[in-house]
């Protein structure tokens, strides 16, 4: 029954992760830890494995649709991976409760940022040819044409990517919980592109955390990990299809609502 529930939770996490570019860990960790009573360190270890699975699927699915910005992802990947490695050293000095508080705090911060930029659109008016080295074009569902966007505040994007790498290892979320909202809210990247680009980054960012968790004996339930991965892959397919059917505003509201619930649970009731 636990394996079946983990598989079903993986479907939900994969769907939401593909929709929002968060990797699904922000949803899977609370379910494993709170509902199934899996120790938080083991839940985060399982989550990081599913983040890699989500990243692989979404990366392949979005490149062909011109949603992910591969150049930007490659730049941020290097910084995020460095942060993830640094996170493995920080883990030695913090407790499990501290990890839970970090998890809840990050979730609350992202929810607030999403709601504060609810009506923001990051596409440029008219036909723009010069979008800079890290800008691009994305299909605009409102007009049916390609819309241009430019990357703003590259240092902010790099700083957030480094922090996301650290958070990835500490919380088992893959780091997309920071990257996607930051790219959309502060760096001028449209929501769908931010989500797709974040998903490309997640897989590499999660690898140092997986290796560290394996070395420290936290991956002790391979059956749960396997069922979660299978569920996440199935959910990612569904989430990627749904993302083209709903509005960006709806995606932001959904992200903020789920993250708020998770934050309240971990900050007030654990």
C-alpha atoms as a PDB file:
ATOM      1  CA  UNK A   1       0.000   0.000   0.000  1.00  0.00           C
ATOM      2  CA  UNK A   2       2.845   2.392   0.825  1.00  0.00           C
ATOM      3  CA  UNK A   3       4.474   1.699  -2.543  1.00  0.00           C
ATOM      4  CA  UNK A   4       1.170   2.338  -4.344  1.00  0.00           C
ATOM      5  CA  UNK A   5       0.579   5.583  -2.442  1.00  0.00           C
ATOM      6  CA  UNK A   6       4.134   6.694  -3.251  1.00  0.00           C
ATOM      7  CA  UNK A   7       3.511   5.980  -6.936  1.00  0.00           C
ATOM      8  CA  UNK A   8       0.298   8.040  -6.881  1.00  0.00           C
ATOM      9  CA  UNK A   9       2.055  10.837  -4.995  1.00  0.00           C
ATOM     10  CA  UNK A  10       4.783  10.723  -7.628  1.00  0.00           C
ATOM     11  CA  UNK A  11       2.172  11.252 -10.346  1.00  0.00           C
ATOM     12  CA  UNK A  12       0.879  14.367  -8.584  1.00  0.00           C
ATOM     13  CA  UNK A  13       4.385  15.663  -7.864  1.00  0.00           C
ATOM     14  CA  UNK A  14       5.525  15.024 -11.426  1.00  0.00           C
ATOM     15  CA  UNK A  15       2.491  16.766 -12.880  1.00  0.00           C
ATOM     16  CA  UNK A  16       2.870  19.831 -10.688  1.00  0.00           C
ATOM     17  CA  UNK A  17       6.629  19.827 -11.141  1.00  0.00           C
ATOM     18  CA  UNK A  18       6.341  19.830 -14.937  1.00  0.00           C
ATOM     19  CA  UNK A  19       3.635  22.499 -14.813  1.00  0.00           C
ATOM     20  CA  UNK A  20       5.616  24.870 -12.634  1.00  0.00           C
ATOM     21  CA  UNK A  21       9.254  23.923 -13.243  1.00  0.00           C
ATOM     22  CA  UNK A  22       9.828  22.986  -9.596  1.00  0.00           C
ATOM     23  CA  UNK A  23      10.890  19.387 -10.106  1.00  0.00           C
ATOM     24  CA  UNK A  24       8.103  18.032  -7.886  1.00  0.00           C
ATOM     25  CA  UNK A  25      10.243  17.691  -4.764  1.00  0.00           C
ATOM     26  CA  UNK A  26       8.479  20.552  -3.005  1.00  0.00           C
ATOM     27  CA  UNK A  27       5.301  18.438  -3.127  1.00  0.00           C
ATOM     28  CA  UNK A  28       6.714  14.926  -2.736  1.00  0.00           C
ATOM     29  CA  UNK A  29       8.806  15.562   0.393  1.00  0.00           C
ATOM     30  CA  UNK A  30       5.849  16.677   2.565  1.00  0.00           C
ATOM     31  CA  UNK A  31       3.757  13.719   1.398  1.00  0.00           C
ATOM     32  CA  UNK A  32       6.443  11.132   2.181  1.00  0.00           C
ATOM     33  CA  UNK A  33       7.376  12.780   5.462  1.00  0.00           C
ATOM     34  CA  UNK A  34       3.981  13.845   6.823  1.00  0.00           C
ATOM     35  CA  UNK A  35       1.543  11.322   5.331  1.00  0.00           C
ATOM     36  CA  UNK A  36       3.692   8.177   5.086  1.00  0.00           C
ATOM     37  CA  UNK A  37       5.929   9.021   8.071  1.00  0.00           C
ATOM     38  CA  UNK A  38       9.160   8.540   6.126  1.00  0.00           C
ATOM     39  CA  UNK A  39      12.058  10.266   7.967  1.00  0.00           C
ATOM     40  CA  UNK A  40      12.726  13.658   6.438  1.00  0.00           C
ATOM     41  CA  UNK A  41      16.296  12.819   5.382  1.00  0.00           C
ATOM     42  CA  UNK A  42      15.083   9.732   3.492  1.00  0.00           C
ATOM     43  CA  UNK A  43      12.153  11.631   1.981  1.00  0.00           C
ATOM     44  CA  UNK A  44      14.502  14.301   0.654  1.00  0.00           C
ATOM     45  CA  UNK A  45      16.863  11.664  -0.748  1.00  0.00           C
ATOM     46  CA  UNK A  46      14.012   9.969  -2.648  1.00  0.00           C
ATOM     47  CA  UNK A  47      12.795  13.349  -3.838  1.00  0.00           C
ATOM     48  CA  UNK A  48      16.168  14.242  -5.372  1.00  0.00           C
ATOM     49  CA  UNK A  49      16.107  11.053  -7.442  1.00  0.00           C
ATOM     50  CA  UNK A  50      12.678  11.947  -8.816  1.00  0.00           C
ATOM     51  CA  UNK A  51      13.910  15.473  -9.591  1.00  0.00           C
ATOM     52  CA  UNK A  52      16.458  13.981 -11.989  1.00  0.00           C
ATOM     53  CA  UNK A  53      13.708  11.956 -13.684  1.00  0.00           C
ATOM     54  CA  UNK A  54      11.475  15.010 -14.072  1.00  0.00           C
ATOM     55  CA  UNK A  55      14.345  17.069 -15.446  1.00  0.00           C
ATOM     56  CA  UNK A  56      15.224  14.488 -18.088  1.00  0.00           C
ATOM     57  CA  UNK A  57      11.654  14.229 -19.360  1.00  0.00           C
ATOM     58  CA  UNK A  58      10.801  17.927 -19.357  1.00  0.00           C
ATOM     59  CA  UNK A  59      14.136  18.852 -20.941  1.00  0.00           C
ATOM     60  CA  UNK A  60      13.459  16.610 -23.925  1.00  0.00           C
ATOM     61  CA  UNK A  61       9.820  17.647 -24.207  1.00  0.00           C
ATOM     62  CA  UNK A  62      10.302  21.412 -24.051  1.00  0.00           C
ATOM     63  CA  UNK A  63      13.325  21.987 -26.284  1.00  0.00           C
ATOM     64  CA  UNK A  64      11.375  21.009 -29.401  1.00  0.00           C
ATOM     65  CA  UNK A  65       8.583  23.407 -28.490  1.00  0.00           C
ATOM     66  CA  UNK A  66      10.989  26.325 -28.051  1.00  0.00           C
ATOM     67  CA  UNK A  67      10.028  26.776 -24.415  1.00  0.00           C
ATOM     68  CA  UNK A  68      13.316  26.159 -22.614  1.00  0.00           C
ATOM     69  CA  UNK A  69      16.191  28.612 -22.992  1.00  0.00           C
ATOM     70  CA  UNK A  70      19.103  26.199 -23.333  1.00  0.00           C
ATOM     71  CA  UNK A  71      21.822  28.883 -23.397  1.00  0.00           C
ATOM     72  CA  UNK A  72      20.577  30.397 -20.153  1.00  0.00           C
ATOM     73  CA  UNK A  73      20.195  26.938 -18.604  1.00  0.00           C
ATOM     74  CA  UNK A  74      23.819  26.061 -19.390  1.00  0.00           C
ATOM     75  CA  UNK A  75      25.075  29.239 -17.730  1.00  0.00           C
ATOM     76  CA  UNK A  76      22.992  28.747 -14.593  1.00  0.00           C
ATOM     77  CA  UNK A  77      23.649  25.008 -14.416  1.00  0.00           C
ATOM     78  CA  UNK A  78      27.323  25.515 -13.647  1.00  0.00           C
ATOM     79  CA  UNK A  79      26.554  27.894 -10.776  1.00  0.00           C
ATOM     80  CA  UNK A  80      23.727  25.738  -9.425  1.00  0.00           C
ATOM     81  CA  UNK A  81      25.876  22.591  -9.443  1.00  0.00           C
ATOM     82  CA  UNK A  82      28.608  24.446  -7.530  1.00  0.00           C
ATOM     83  CA  UNK A  83      26.029  25.518  -4.948  1.00  0.00           C
ATOM     84  CA  UNK A  84      24.731  21.952  -4.674  1.00  0.00           C
ATOM     85  CA  UNK A  85      28.227  20.675  -3.911  1.00  0.00           C
ATOM     86  CA  UNK A  86      28.629  23.375  -1.260  1.00  0.00           C
ATOM     87  CA  UNK A  87      25.322  22.238   0.240  1.00  0.00           C
ATOM     88  CA  UNK A  88      26.741  18.767   0.925  1.00  0.00           C
ATOM     89  CA  UNK A  89      29.272  20.340   3.302  1.00  0.00           C
ATOM     90  CA  UNK A  90      26.662  22.549   5.006  1.00  0.00           C
ATOM     91  CA  UNK A  91      24.548  19.447   5.740  1.00  0.00           C
ATOM     92  CA  UNK A  92      27.119  18.295   8.268  1.00  0.00           C
ATOM     93  CA  UNK A  93      26.434  21.291  10.503  1.00  0.00           C
ATOM     94  CA  UNK A  94      22.624  21.556  10.604  1.00  0.00           C
ATOM     95  CA  UNK A  95      19.894  19.446  12.199  1.00  0.00           C
ATOM     96  CA  UNK A  96      16.883  17.773  10.610  1.00  0.00           C
ATOM     97  CA  UNK A  97      14.556  20.383  12.155  1.00  0.00           C
ATOM     98  CA  UNK A  98      16.654  23.163  10.664  1.00  0.00           C
ATOM     99  CA  UNK A  99      16.296  21.528   7.251  1.00  0.00           C
ATOM    100  CA  UNK A 100      12.521  21.465   7.724  1.00  0.00           C
ATOM    101  CA  UNK A 101      12.471  25.147   8.669  1.00  0.00           C
ATOM    102  CA  UNK A 102      14.565  26.056   5.632  1.00  0.00           C
ATOM    103  CA  UNK A 103      12.180  24.052   3.484  1.00  0.00           C
ATOM    104  CA  UNK A 104       9.133  25.858   4.880  1.00  0.00           C
ATOM    105  CA  UNK A 105      10.749  29.270   4.694  1.00  0.00           C
ATOM    106  CA  UNK A 106      11.743  28.845   1.057  1.00  0.00           C
ATOM    107  CA  UNK A 107       8.244  27.674   0.160  1.00  0.00           C
ATOM    108  CA  UNK A 108       6.674  30.719   1.852  1.00  0.00           C
ATOM    109  CA  UNK A 109       9.096  33.137   0.182  1.00  0.00           C
ATOM    110  CA  UNK A 110       8.341  31.766  -3.269  1.00  0.00           C
ATOM    111  CA  UNK A 111       4.579  31.906  -2.661  1.00  0.00           C
ATOM    112  CA  UNK A 112       4.788  35.591  -1.701  1.00  0.00           C
ATOM    113  CA  UNK A 113       6.924  36.417  -4.752  1.00  0.00           C
ATOM    114  CA  UNK A 114       4.500  34.655  -7.080  1.00  0.00           C
ATOM    115  CA  UNK A 115       1.473  36.494  -5.717  1.00  0.00           C
ATOM    116  CA  UNK A 116       3.242  39.864  -5.856  1.00  0.00           C
ATOM    117  CA  UNK A 117       3.903  39.416  -9.592  1.00  0.00           C
ATOM    118  CA  UNK A 118       0.599  37.786 -10.482  1.00  0.00           C
ATOM    119  CA  UNK A 119      -0.272  39.987 -13.461  1.00  0.00           C
ATOM    120  CA  UNK A 120       3.248  40.533 -14.772  1.00  0.00           C
ATOM    121  CA  UNK A 121       3.923  39.611 -18.417  1.00  0.00           C
ATOM    122  CA  UNK A 122       7.515  39.379 -19.587  1.00  0.00           C
ATOM    123  CA  UNK A 123       7.106  39.581 -23.365  1.00  0.00           C
ATOM    124  CA  UNK A 124       8.183  42.567 -25.442  1.00  0.00           C
ATOM    125  CA  UNK A 125       5.663  44.400 -27.646  1.00  0.00           C
ATOM    126  CA  UNK A 126       6.048  44.338 -31.421  1.00  0.00           C
ATOM    127  CA  UNK A 127       8.517  42.366 -33.537  1.00  0.00           C
ATOM    128  CA  UNK A 128      11.869  42.423 -31.765  1.00  0.00           C
ATOM    129  CA  UNK A 129      14.959  40.957 -33.427  1.00  0.00           C
ATOM    130  CA  UNK A 130      17.656  41.790 -30.882  1.00  0.00           C
ATOM    131  CA  UNK A 131      16.951  39.865 -27.683  1.00  0.00           C
ATOM    132  CA  UNK A 132      20.527  39.733 -26.425  1.00  0.00           C
ATOM    133  CA  UNK A 133      22.748  36.717 -25.864  1.00  0.00           C
ATOM    134  CA  UNK A 134      20.481  35.077 -23.279  1.00  0.00           C
ATOM    135  CA  UNK A 135      17.048  36.245 -24.466  1.00  0.00           C
ATOM    136  CA  UNK A 136      14.771  34.416 -26.872  1.00  0.00           C
ATOM    137  CA  UNK A 137      11.352  33.937 -28.383  1.00  0.00           C
ATOM    138  CA  UNK A 138       8.417  31.954 -27.057  1.00  0.00           C
ATOM    139  CA  UNK A 139       5.025  31.046 -28.599  1.00  0.00           C
ATOM    140  CA  UNK A 140       2.456  33.492 -27.201  1.00  0.00           C
ATOM    141  CA  UNK A 141      -0.867  31.671 -26.568  1.00  0.00           C
ATOM    142  CA  UNK A 142      -2.723  34.988 -26.691  1.00  0.00           C
ATOM    143  CA  UNK A 143      -1.645  35.898 -30.233  1.00  0.00           C
ATOM    144  CA  UNK A 144      -0.479  32.584 -31.662  1.00  0.00           C
ATOM    145  CA  UNK A 145       2.817  34.221 -32.709  1.00  0.00           C
ATOM    146  CA  UNK A 146       6.356  34.222 -31.354  1.00  0.00           C
ATOM    147  CA  UNK A 147       6.929  36.807 -28.627  1.00  0.00           C
ATOM    148  CA  UNK A 148      10.376  38.104 -27.698  1.00  0.00           C
ATOM    149  CA  UNK A 149      11.862  38.516 -24.232  1.00  0.00           C
ATOM    150  CA  UNK A 150      15.202  39.714 -22.868  1.00  0.00           C
ATOM    151  CA  UNK A 151      17.011  38.501 -19.784  1.00  0.00           C
ATOM    152  CA  UNK A 152      17.316  41.179 -17.099  1.00  0.00           C
ATOM    153  CA  UNK A 153      19.555  41.290 -14.035  1.00  0.00           C
ATOM    154  CA  UNK A 154      21.899  38.432 -14.951  1.00  0.00           C
ATOM    155  CA  UNK A 155      23.789  38.763 -11.619  1.00  0.00           C
ATOM    156  CA  UNK A 156      20.491  38.141  -9.803  1.00  0.00           C
ATOM    157  CA  UNK A 157      19.850  35.022 -11.891  1.00  0.00           C
ATOM    158  CA  UNK A 158      23.370  33.740 -11.165  1.00  0.00           C
ATOM    159  CA  UNK A 159      23.058  34.462  -7.441  1.00  0.00           C
ATOM    160  CA  UNK A 160      19.688  32.726  -7.228  1.00  0.00           C
ATOM    161  CA  UNK A 161      21.048  29.717  -9.146  1.00  0.00           C
ATOM    162  CA  UNK A 162      23.883  29.349  -6.627  1.00  0.00           C
ATOM    163  CA  UNK A 163      21.450  29.616  -3.725  1.00  0.00           C
ATOM    164  CA  UNK A 164      19.115  27.155  -5.452  1.00  0.00           C
ATOM    165  CA  UNK A 165      21.936  24.632  -5.624  1.00  0.00           C
ATOM    166  CA  UNK A 166      22.479  24.878  -1.877  1.00  0.00           C
ATOM    167  CA  UNK A 167      18.735  24.664  -1.177  1.00  0.00           C
ATOM    168  CA  UNK A 168      18.508  21.663  -3.508  1.00  0.00           C
ATOM    169  CA  UNK A 169      20.864  19.627  -1.361  1.00  0.00           C
ATOM    170  CA  UNK A 170      19.527  20.871   1.978  1.00  0.00           C
ATOM    171  CA  UNK A 171      15.828  20.319   1.223  1.00  0.00           C
ATOM    172  CA  UNK A 172      15.708  17.689  -1.525  1.00  0.00           C
ATOM    173  CA  UNK A 173      13.712  19.920  -3.878  1.00  0.00           C
ATOM    174  CA  UNK A 174      16.114  20.238  -6.796  1.00  0.00           C
ATOM    175  CA  UNK A 175      16.363  24.028  -6.581  1.00  0.00           C
ATOM    176  CA  UNK A 176      13.605  24.798  -9.072  1.00  0.00           C
ATOM    177  CA  UNK A 177      11.562  26.202  -6.221  1.00  0.00           C
ATOM    178  CA  UNK A 178      13.848  29.239  -6.414  1.00  0.00           C
ATOM    179  CA  UNK A 179      14.959  29.326 -10.045  1.00  0.00           C
ATOM    180  CA  UNK A 180      11.590  29.362 -11.816  1.00  0.00           C
ATOM    181  CA  UNK A 181       9.960  32.120  -9.692  1.00  0.00           C
ATOM    182  CA  UNK A 182      13.148  34.237  -9.723  1.00  0.00           C
ATOM    183  CA  UNK A 183      13.548  34.088 -13.499  1.00  0.00           C
ATOM    184  CA  UNK A 184       9.916  35.044 -13.962  1.00  0.00           C
ATOM    185  CA  UNK A 185       9.601  37.695 -11.259  1.00  0.00           C
ATOM    186  CA  UNK A 186      12.968  39.456 -11.371  1.00  0.00           C
ATOM    187  CA  UNK A 187      14.775  38.524 -14.590  1.00  0.00           C
ATOM    188  CA  UNK A 188      12.192  39.192 -17.316  1.00  0.00           C
ATOM    189  CA  UNK A 189      11.664  35.572 -18.391  1.00  0.00           C
ATOM    190  CA  UNK A 190       8.078  34.479 -19.260  1.00  0.00           C
ATOM    191  CA  UNK A 191       6.543  31.961 -16.858  1.00  0.00           C
ATOM    192  CA  UNK A 192       6.436  29.029 -19.281  1.00  0.00           C
ATOM    193  CA  UNK A 193      10.054  29.616 -20.339  1.00  0.00           C
ATOM    194  CA  UNK A 194      11.155  30.026 -16.708  1.00  0.00           C
ATOM    195  CA  UNK A 195       9.486  26.727 -15.775  1.00  0.00           C
ATOM    196  CA  UNK A 196      10.987  24.850 -18.736  1.00  0.00           C
ATOM    197  CA  UNK A 197      14.468  26.328 -18.254  1.00  0.00           C
ATOM    198  CA  UNK A 198      14.365  25.564 -14.546  1.00  0.00           C
ATOM    199  CA  UNK A 199      13.514  21.933 -15.334  1.00  0.00           C
ATOM    200  CA  UNK A 200      16.592  21.653 -17.560  1.00  0.00           C
ATOM    201  CA  UNK A 201      18.789  22.857 -14.678  1.00  0.00           C
ATOM    202  CA  UNK A 202      17.277  20.614 -11.992  1.00  0.00           C
ATOM    203  CA  UNK A 203      18.754  17.266 -13.004  1.00  0.00           C
ATOM    204  CA  UNK A 204      22.393  18.359 -12.775  1.00  0.00           C
ATOM    205  CA  UNK A 205      21.722  20.297  -9.580  1.00  0.00           C
ATOM    206  CA  UNK A 206      20.263  17.240  -7.842  1.00  0.00           C
ATOM    207  CA  UNK A 207      23.184  14.894  -8.561  1.00  0.00           C
ATOM    208  CA  UNK A 208      25.556  16.028  -5.744  1.00  0.00           C
ATOM    209  CA  UNK A 209      22.735  15.648  -3.214  1.00  0.00           C
ATOM    210  CA  UNK A 210      21.906  12.133  -4.427  1.00  0.00           C
ATOM    211  CA  UNK A 211      25.545  11.063  -4.152  1.00  0.00           C
ATOM    212  CA  UNK A 212      25.833  12.561  -0.661  1.00  0.00           C
ATOM    213  CA  UNK A 213      22.611  10.907   0.529  1.00  0.00           C
ATOM    214  CA  UNK A 214      23.754   7.542  -0.816  1.00  0.00           C
ATOM    215  CA  UNK A 215      27.114   7.896   0.912  1.00  0.00           C
ATOM    216  CA  UNK A 216      25.405   8.748   4.213  1.00  0.00           C
ATOM    217  CA  UNK A 217      22.953   5.832   4.075  1.00  0.00           C
ATOM    218  CA  UNK A 218      19.748   7.816   3.470  1.00  0.00           C
ATOM    219  CA  UNK A 219      18.714   5.863   0.364  1.00  0.00           C
ATOM    220  CA  UNK A 220      17.555   2.813   2.318  1.00  0.00           C
ATOM    221  CA  UNK A 221      14.179   2.328   0.592  1.00  0.00           C
ATOM    222  CA  UNK A 222      14.916   1.659  -3.102  1.00  0.00           C
ATOM    223  CA  UNK A 223      11.394   0.317  -3.715  1.00  0.00           C
ATOM    224  CA  UNK A 224       9.850   3.619  -2.667  1.00  0.00           C
ATOM    225  CA  UNK A 225      12.364   5.512  -4.781  1.00  0.00           C
ATOM    226  CA  UNK A 226      11.572   3.373  -7.837  1.00  0.00           C
ATOM    227  CA  UNK A 227       7.808   3.766  -7.439  1.00  0.00           C
ATOM    228  CA  UNK A 228       8.177   7.521  -6.966  1.00  0.00           C
ATOM    229  CA  UNK A 229      10.280   7.815 -10.131  1.00  0.00           C
ATOM    230  CA  UNK A 230       7.746   5.848 -12.185  1.00  0.00           C
ATOM    231  CA  UNK A 231       4.945   8.035 -10.855  1.00  0.00           C
ATOM    232  CA  UNK A 232       6.861  11.231 -11.532  1.00  0.00           C
ATOM    233  CA  UNK A 233       7.555  10.269 -15.146  1.00  0.00           C
ATOM    234  CA  UNK A 234       3.869   9.521 -15.733  1.00  0.00           C
ATOM    235  CA  UNK A 235       2.838  12.720 -13.967  1.00  0.00           C
ATOM    236  CA  UNK A 236       5.337  14.795 -15.925  1.00  0.00           C
ATOM    237  CA  UNK A 237       3.743  13.730 -19.185  1.00  0.00           C
ATOM    238  CA  UNK A 238       0.328  14.775 -17.943  1.00  0.00           C
ATOM    239  CA  UNK A 239       1.611  18.031 -16.462  1.00  0.00           C
ATOM    240  CA  UNK A 240       3.410  19.025 -19.629  1.00  0.00           C
ATOM    241  CA  UNK A 241       0.210  18.552 -21.656  1.00  0.00           C
ATOM    242  CA  UNK A 242      -1.916  20.444 -19.108  1.00  0.00           C
ATOM    243  CA  UNK A 243       0.508  23.385 -19.091  1.00  0.00           C
ATOM    244  CA  UNK A 244      -0.444  24.258 -22.657  1.00  0.00           C
ATOM    245  CA  UNK A 245      -4.146  24.299 -21.759  1.00  0.00           C
ATOM    246  CA  UNK A 246      -4.174  26.687 -18.794  1.00  0.00           C
ATOM    247  CA  UNK A 247      -3.320  30.370 -18.351  1.00  0.00           C
ATOM    248  CA  UNK A 248      -0.096  31.642 -16.802  1.00  0.00           C
ATOM    249  CA  UNK A 249      -2.106  33.425 -14.100  1.00  0.00           C
ATOM    250  CA  UNK A 250      -3.690  30.110 -13.100  1.00  0.00           C
ATOM    251  CA  UNK A 251      -0.269  28.472 -12.893  1.00  0.00           C
ATOM    252  CA  UNK A 252       0.997  31.200 -10.574  1.00  0.00           C
ATOM    253  CA  UNK A 253      -2.045  30.981  -8.286  1.00  0.00           C
ATOM    254  CA  UNK A 254      -1.732  27.191  -8.128  1.00  0.00           C
ATOM    255  CA  UNK A 255       1.967  27.441  -7.272  1.00  0.00           C
ATOM    256  CA  UNK A 256       1.367  30.025  -4.534  1.00  0.00           C
ATOM    257  CA  UNK A 257      -1.497  28.052  -2.966  1.00  0.00           C
ATOM    258  CA  UNK A 258       0.379  24.762  -2.756  1.00  0.00           C
ATOM    259  CA  UNK A 259       3.557  26.370  -1.482  1.00  0.00           C
ATOM    260  CA  UNK A 260       1.661  28.297   1.206  1.00  0.00           C
ATOM    261  CA  UNK A 261       0.112  25.098   2.556  1.00  0.00           C
ATOM    262  CA  UNK A 262       3.500  23.383   2.641  1.00  0.00           C
ATOM    263  CA  UNK A 263       5.138  26.368   4.349  1.00  0.00           C
ATOM    264  CA  UNK A 264       2.475  26.583   7.076  1.00  0.00           C
ATOM    265  CA  UNK A 265       2.770  22.867   7.792  1.00  0.00           C
ATOM    266  CA  UNK A 266       6.547  22.895   8.170  1.00  0.00           C
ATOM    267  CA  UNK A 267       6.913  26.200   9.992  1.00  0.00           C
ATOM    268  CA  UNK A 268       4.001  25.941  12.446  1.00  0.00           C
ATOM    269  CA  UNK A 269       2.897  22.345  12.924  1.00  0.00           C
ATOM    270  CA  UNK A 270       6.012  20.184  12.816  1.00  0.00           C
END
